[in-house]
Protein backbone atom coordinates (compact mmCIF):
# COMPACT_ATOMS: atom_id res chain seq x y z
CA MET A 1 0.00 0.00 0.00
CA SER A 2 1.33 3.45 -0.89
CA ASP A 3 1.66 6.29 1.58
CA LEU A 4 -1.30 8.04 -0.01
CA GLU A 5 -3.54 4.98 0.38
CA LYS A 6 -2.45 4.54 4.01
CA LYS A 7 -3.22 8.17 4.75
CA ALA A 8 -6.66 7.88 3.13
CA GLN A 9 -7.42 4.77 5.18
CA GLU A 10 -6.32 6.50 8.40
CA GLU A 11 -8.57 9.48 7.56
CA ALA A 12 -11.51 7.12 7.03
CA THR A 13 -10.99 5.29 10.31
CA LYS A 14 -10.30 8.43 12.35
CA LYS A 15 -13.20 9.28 14.65
CA ARG A 16 -15.05 12.43 13.66
CA PRO A 17 -15.46 15.07 16.40
CA TYR A 18 -18.78 15.42 18.20
CA ASN A 19 -20.00 12.06 16.83
CA LEU A 20 -20.81 13.61 13.43
CA ARG A 21 -21.65 11.06 10.76
CA GLU A 22 -21.60 11.28 6.99
CA LYS A 23 -25.01 12.06 5.53
CA LYS A 24 -26.67 9.14 3.79
CA GLU A 25 -28.99 9.81 0.87
CA LYS A 26 -32.37 8.15 1.19
CA LYS A 27 -35.03 7.70 -1.43
CA ALA A 28 -38.34 8.40 0.29
CA ALA A 29 -41.36 7.93 -1.97
CA TYR A 30 -43.53 10.46 -0.13
CA ARG A 31 -41.24 13.35 -1.13
CA SER A 32 -42.45 13.20 -4.73
CA LEU A 33 -46.13 13.19 -3.74
CA ILE A 34 -46.25 16.93 -3.01
CA ARG A 35 -47.14 19.23 -5.88
CA PRO A 36 -44.29 21.66 -6.68
CA GLU A 37 -46.59 24.70 -6.32
CA LEU A 38 -47.67 23.58 -2.85
CA ALA A 39 -44.06 22.85 -1.90
CA ASP A 40 -43.00 26.35 -3.02
CA GLU A 41 -45.80 27.96 -1.02
CA LEU A 42 -44.93 25.93 2.07
CA TYR A 43 -41.23 26.75 1.60
CA ASP A 44 -42.03 30.48 1.76
CA ARG A 45 -44.29 30.04 4.77
CA ILE A 46 -41.67 27.93 6.59
CA LEU A 47 -39.02 30.59 5.99
CA ASN A 48 -41.39 33.26 7.26
CA ILE A 49 -42.17 31.39 10.46
CA ILE A 50 -38.70 30.09 11.25
CA VAL A 51 -36.52 32.97 10.06
CA VAL A 52 -38.61 36.14 10.07
CA GLN A 53 -40.49 35.31 13.28
CA LYS A 54 -37.28 33.79 14.72
CA LYS A 55 -39.02 30.66 15.97
CA TYR A 56 -35.67 28.85 15.78
CA ARG A 57 -34.76 30.62 19.02
CA ASP A 58 -37.35 28.57 20.93
CA PRO A 59 -35.62 25.33 22.03
CA ASN A 60 -39.02 23.62 22.38
CA TYR A 61 -40.32 24.54 18.91
CA SER A 62 -40.82 21.17 17.26
CA ALA A 63 -41.72 20.04 13.76
CA LYS A 64 -45.12 19.17 15.18
CA ASP A 65 -45.62 22.79 16.29
CA LEU A 66 -44.61 24.11 12.88
CA ALA A 67 -46.86 21.62 11.09
CA LYS A 68 -49.76 22.69 13.29
CA GLU A 69 -49.07 26.35 12.50
CA LEU A 70 -48.95 25.58 8.76
CA GLN A 71 -52.05 23.38 9.07
CA ILE A 72 -50.36 20.40 7.43
CA ASN A 73 -49.18 17.04 8.76
CA THR A 74 -45.59 16.38 9.78
CA ARG A 75 -44.99 14.10 6.76
CA TYR A 76 -45.72 16.97 4.37
CA LEU A 77 -43.55 19.28 6.42
CA SER A 78 -40.72 16.78 6.41
CA ALA A 79 -41.02 16.24 2.65
CA VAL A 80 -40.92 19.98 1.94
CA VAL A 81 -37.99 20.61 4.27
CA ASN A 82 -36.05 17.70 2.78
CA SER A 83 -36.75 18.57 -0.84
CA ARG A 84 -36.50 22.36 -0.68
CA PHE A 85 -33.85 22.87 2.01
CA GLY A 86 -31.90 19.64 1.47
CA MET A 87 -31.83 18.75 5.16
CA ASN A 88 -34.08 17.59 7.97
CA TYR A 89 -36.05 19.85 10.31
CA SER A 90 -33.58 19.89 13.19
CA CYS A 91 -30.62 20.58 10.87
CA LEU A 92 -32.60 23.47 9.39
CA LEU A 93 -33.24 25.02 12.80
CA ASN A 94 -29.65 24.41 13.88
CA GLU A 95 -28.32 26.10 10.75
CA TYR A 96 -30.21 29.31 11.56
CA ARG A 97 -29.24 29.05 15.23
CA VAL A 98 -25.58 28.75 14.29
CA LYS A 99 -25.83 31.71 11.88
CA ASP A 100 -27.31 33.76 14.71
CA ALA A 101 -24.61 32.56 17.11
CA LEU A 102 -21.88 33.58 14.63
CA HIS A 103 -23.10 37.17 14.83
CA LEU A 104 -23.44 37.13 18.62
CA LEU A 105 -20.00 35.59 19.14
CA THR A 106 -18.32 38.42 17.23
CA ASP A 107 -20.60 41.25 18.41
CA LYS A 108 -18.87 43.49 20.97
CA ARG A 109 -22.17 43.95 22.83
CA TYR A 110 -22.13 40.25 23.76
CA ALA A 111 -18.43 40.00 24.63
CA ASP A 112 -19.31 39.59 28.31
CA LYS A 113 -21.55 36.55 27.57
CA ASN A 114 -19.98 33.11 27.64
CA VAL A 115 -20.57 30.55 24.89
CA GLU A 116 -23.21 28.65 26.88
CA GLU A 117 -25.27 31.82 27.38
CA ILE A 118 -25.11 32.58 23.67
CA SER A 119 -26.14 29.02 22.82
CA THR A 120 -29.19 29.43 25.04
CA MET A 121 -30.01 32.81 23.46
CA VAL A 122 -30.09 31.32 19.96
CA GLY A 123 -32.25 28.36 20.98
CA PHE A 124 -30.04 25.41 21.80
CA ALA A 125 -31.26 23.30 24.71
CA ASN A 126 -27.79 22.18 25.80
CA ARG A 127 -24.11 22.84 25.31
CA GLN A 128 -23.35 19.55 23.55
CA SER A 129 -25.90 20.04 20.77
CA PHE A 130 -24.65 23.61 20.26
CA TYR A 131 -21.02 22.54 19.93
CA ALA A 132 -21.91 19.66 17.59
CA ALA A 133 -24.09 21.83 15.33
CA PHE A 134 -21.57 24.67 15.37
CA TYR A 135 -18.71 22.37 14.45
CA LYS A 136 -20.76 20.73 11.70
CA ASN A 137 -21.69 24.08 10.10
CA VAL A 138 -18.55 26.13 10.70
CA GLY A 139 -15.78 23.55 11.02
CA GLU A 140 -14.46 24.78 14.35
CA THR A 141 -15.58 25.18 17.94
CA PRO A 142 -17.46 28.28 19.11
CA ASN A 143 -14.60 29.29 21.42
CA GLY A 144 -12.07 28.87 18.62
CA TYR A 145 -14.23 30.95 16.29
CA ARG A 146 -14.65 33.69 18.88
CA LYS A 147 -10.92 33.87 19.65
CA LYS A 148 -9.96 33.90 15.97
CA ASN A 149 -12.40 36.69 15.17
CA ALA A 150 -11.57 38.70 18.28
CA VAL A 151 -7.96 38.85 17.09
CA LYS A 152 -9.08 40.10 13.65
CA SER A 153 -11.21 42.92 15.02
CA LYS A 154 -8.42 44.38 17.19
């Protein structure tokens, strides 16, 4: 085996941080059952509720709550989120939470807040889920991101 092959094998066997796993593509038949016009309308309404109304900041806001607000079932919601956003419901919320956290971590007004307080402000229920989602979306830890960007702003 060449050095390159050995290195590739080591990379594959190395444990990923925060128990992150590679995404597996699934073929779910119900995703194709929704009319594209309905999916587009629901996409806009989902964005309005989650992003504009900032429902992602509520750690208890579930897919069931959103489906009830949209007056659809959770299967439809799941199909629209998967097809239009390319991720599941919790990944969608976590993405917006992390984007919000990125701003708060670099904002001078929140310099006195620790990372756990910021994670609570953006809607994460616990520290572990915040660190895992942050690392998955940004590629580094929240503390590392904050330190790196604090140095840049000085």
